[in-house]
């Protein structure tokens, strides 16, 4: 994996934590992240306003893999 994708995935995990409300599935969270990236670009992942910095867009399966491997993740 490219280091720029790793940076984007780290931010995506933060955004996923905000979306994990106990009602959404992992697939729904990933789809929402992808939808936001489609609409807003990588700004949707960044915690900062303006240019998101050095990031490369992760693919759907990479988002799923990162969430799957997150040991502290608790979903219903």
C-alpha atoms as a PDB file:
ATOM      1  CA  UNK A   1       0.000   0.000   0.000  1.00  0.00           C
ATOM      2  CA  UNK A   2       1.133   3.508  -0.780  1.00  0.00           C
ATOM      3  CA  UNK A   3       2.008   5.679   2.265  1.00  0.00           C
ATOM      4  CA  UNK A   4      -0.395   8.335   0.981  1.00  0.00           C
ATOM      5  CA  UNK A   5      -3.214   5.775   1.085  1.00  0.00           C
ATOM      6  CA  UNK A   6      -2.190   4.843   4.618  1.00  0.00           C
ATOM      7  CA  UNK A   7      -2.603   8.489   5.654  1.00  0.00           C
ATOM      8  CA  UNK A   8      -6.046   8.613   4.025  1.00  0.00           C
ATOM      9  CA  UNK A   9      -7.055   5.359   5.734  1.00  0.00           C
ATOM     10  CA  UNK A  10      -6.046   6.746   9.121  1.00  0.00           C
ATOM     11  CA  UNK A  11      -8.333   9.737   8.547  1.00  0.00           C
ATOM     12  CA  UNK A  12     -11.047   7.446   7.166  1.00  0.00           C
ATOM     13  CA  UNK A  13     -10.987   5.436  10.411  1.00  0.00           C
ATOM     14  CA  UNK A  14     -11.578   8.667  12.328  1.00  0.00           C
ATOM     15  CA  UNK A  15     -14.530   9.544  10.080  1.00  0.00           C
ATOM     16  CA  UNK A  16     -15.835   5.959  10.355  1.00  0.00           C
ATOM     17  CA  UNK A  17     -15.802   6.268  14.150  1.00  0.00           C
ATOM     18  CA  UNK A  18     -18.014   9.348  13.817  1.00  0.00           C
ATOM     19  CA  UNK A  19     -20.437   7.402  11.588  1.00  0.00           C
ATOM     20  CA  UNK A  20     -20.571   4.289  13.806  1.00  0.00           C
ATOM     21  CA  UNK A  21     -23.808   5.018  15.621  1.00  0.00           C
ATOM     22  CA  UNK A  22     -24.766   1.442  16.463  1.00  0.00           C
ATOM     23  CA  UNK A  23     -27.300   1.263  13.650  1.00  0.00           C
ATOM     24  CA  UNK A  24     -25.036   1.266  10.591  1.00  0.00           C
ATOM     25  CA  UNK A  25     -23.218  -1.793   9.316  1.00  0.00           C
ATOM     26  CA  UNK A  26     -19.575  -1.722   8.240  1.00  0.00           C
ATOM     27  CA  UNK A  27     -20.736  -1.854   4.603  1.00  0.00           C
ATOM     28  CA  UNK A  28     -22.993   1.164   5.136  1.00  0.00           C
ATOM     29  CA  UNK A  29     -20.183   3.114   6.777  1.00  0.00           C
ATOM     30  CA  UNK A  30     -17.823   2.323   3.894  1.00  0.00           C
ATOM     31  CA  UNK A  31     -20.462   3.338   1.343  1.00  0.00           C
ATOM     32  CA  UNK A  32     -21.028   6.622   3.181  1.00  0.00           C
ATOM     33  CA  UNK A  33     -17.283   7.334   3.205  1.00  0.00           C
ATOM     34  CA  UNK A  34     -17.070   6.591  -0.520  1.00  0.00           C
ATOM     35  CA  UNK A  35     -20.098   8.797  -1.193  1.00  0.00           C
ATOM     36  CA  UNK A  36     -18.504  11.663   0.748  1.00  0.00           C
ATOM     37  CA  UNK A  37     -15.213  11.250  -1.132  1.00  0.00           C
ATOM     38  CA  UNK A  38     -17.117  11.280  -4.437  1.00  0.00           C
ATOM     39  CA  UNK A  39     -18.907  14.484  -3.450  1.00  0.00           C
ATOM     40  CA  UNK A  40     -16.125  16.329  -1.585  1.00  0.00           C
ATOM     41  CA  UNK A  41     -12.903  14.638  -2.618  1.00  0.00           C
ATOM     42  CA  UNK A  42     -10.336  13.823   0.032  1.00  0.00           C
ATOM     43  CA  UNK A  43     -11.467  16.898   1.973  1.00  0.00           C
ATOM     44  CA  UNK A  44     -14.208  14.598   3.303  1.00  0.00           C
ATOM     45  CA  UNK A  45     -11.577  12.631   5.240  1.00  0.00           C
ATOM     46  CA  UNK A  46      -9.390  15.455   6.444  1.00  0.00           C
ATOM     47  CA  UNK A  47      -9.929  16.971   9.880  1.00  0.00           C
ATOM     48  CA  UNK A  48      -8.616  20.279   8.468  1.00  0.00           C
ATOM     49  CA  UNK A  49     -10.281  22.895   6.286  1.00  0.00           C
ATOM     50  CA  UNK A  50      -8.888  23.443   2.804  1.00  0.00           C
ATOM     51  CA  UNK A  51      -6.278  21.247   1.175  1.00  0.00           C
ATOM     52  CA  UNK A  52      -6.360  17.793   2.757  1.00  0.00           C
ATOM     53  CA  UNK A  53      -2.588  17.307   2.583  1.00  0.00           C
ATOM     54  CA  UNK A  54      -0.727  14.349   1.171  1.00  0.00           C
ATOM     55  CA  UNK A  55      -3.321  11.617   0.780  1.00  0.00           C
ATOM     56  CA  UNK A  56      -4.311   9.155  -1.929  1.00  0.00           C
ATOM     57  CA  UNK A  57      -7.849   7.852  -2.198  1.00  0.00           C
ATOM     58  CA  UNK A  58      -8.225   4.366  -0.737  1.00  0.00           C
ATOM     59  CA  UNK A  59     -10.296   1.796  -2.597  1.00  0.00           C
ATOM     60  CA  UNK A  60     -13.462   0.181  -1.246  1.00  0.00           C
ATOM     61  CA  UNK A  61     -11.760  -3.082  -0.325  1.00  0.00           C
ATOM     62  CA  UNK A  62      -8.960  -1.233   1.492  1.00  0.00           C
ATOM     63  CA  UNK A  63     -11.518   0.608   3.627  1.00  0.00           C
ATOM     64  CA  UNK A  64     -13.228  -2.696   4.427  1.00  0.00           C
ATOM     65  CA  UNK A  65      -9.893  -4.309   5.271  1.00  0.00           C
ATOM     66  CA  UNK A  66      -8.852  -1.470   7.572  1.00  0.00           C
ATOM     67  CA  UNK A  67     -12.144  -1.601   9.444  1.00  0.00           C
ATOM     68  CA  UNK A  68     -12.006  -5.404   9.594  1.00  0.00           C
ATOM     69  CA  UNK A  69      -8.555  -5.296  11.177  1.00  0.00           C
ATOM     70  CA  UNK A  70      -9.377  -2.575  13.701  1.00  0.00           C
ATOM     71  CA  UNK A  71      -9.122  -4.506  16.965  1.00  0.00           C
ATOM     72  CA  UNK A  72     -10.862  -1.875  19.029  1.00  0.00           C
ATOM     73  CA  UNK A  73     -13.858  -1.567  16.711  1.00  0.00           C
ATOM     74  CA  UNK A  74     -17.165  -2.531  18.306  1.00  0.00           C
ATOM     75  CA  UNK A  75     -20.255  -2.641  16.115  1.00  0.00           C
ATOM     76  CA  UNK A  76     -23.603  -4.322  16.549  1.00  0.00           C
END
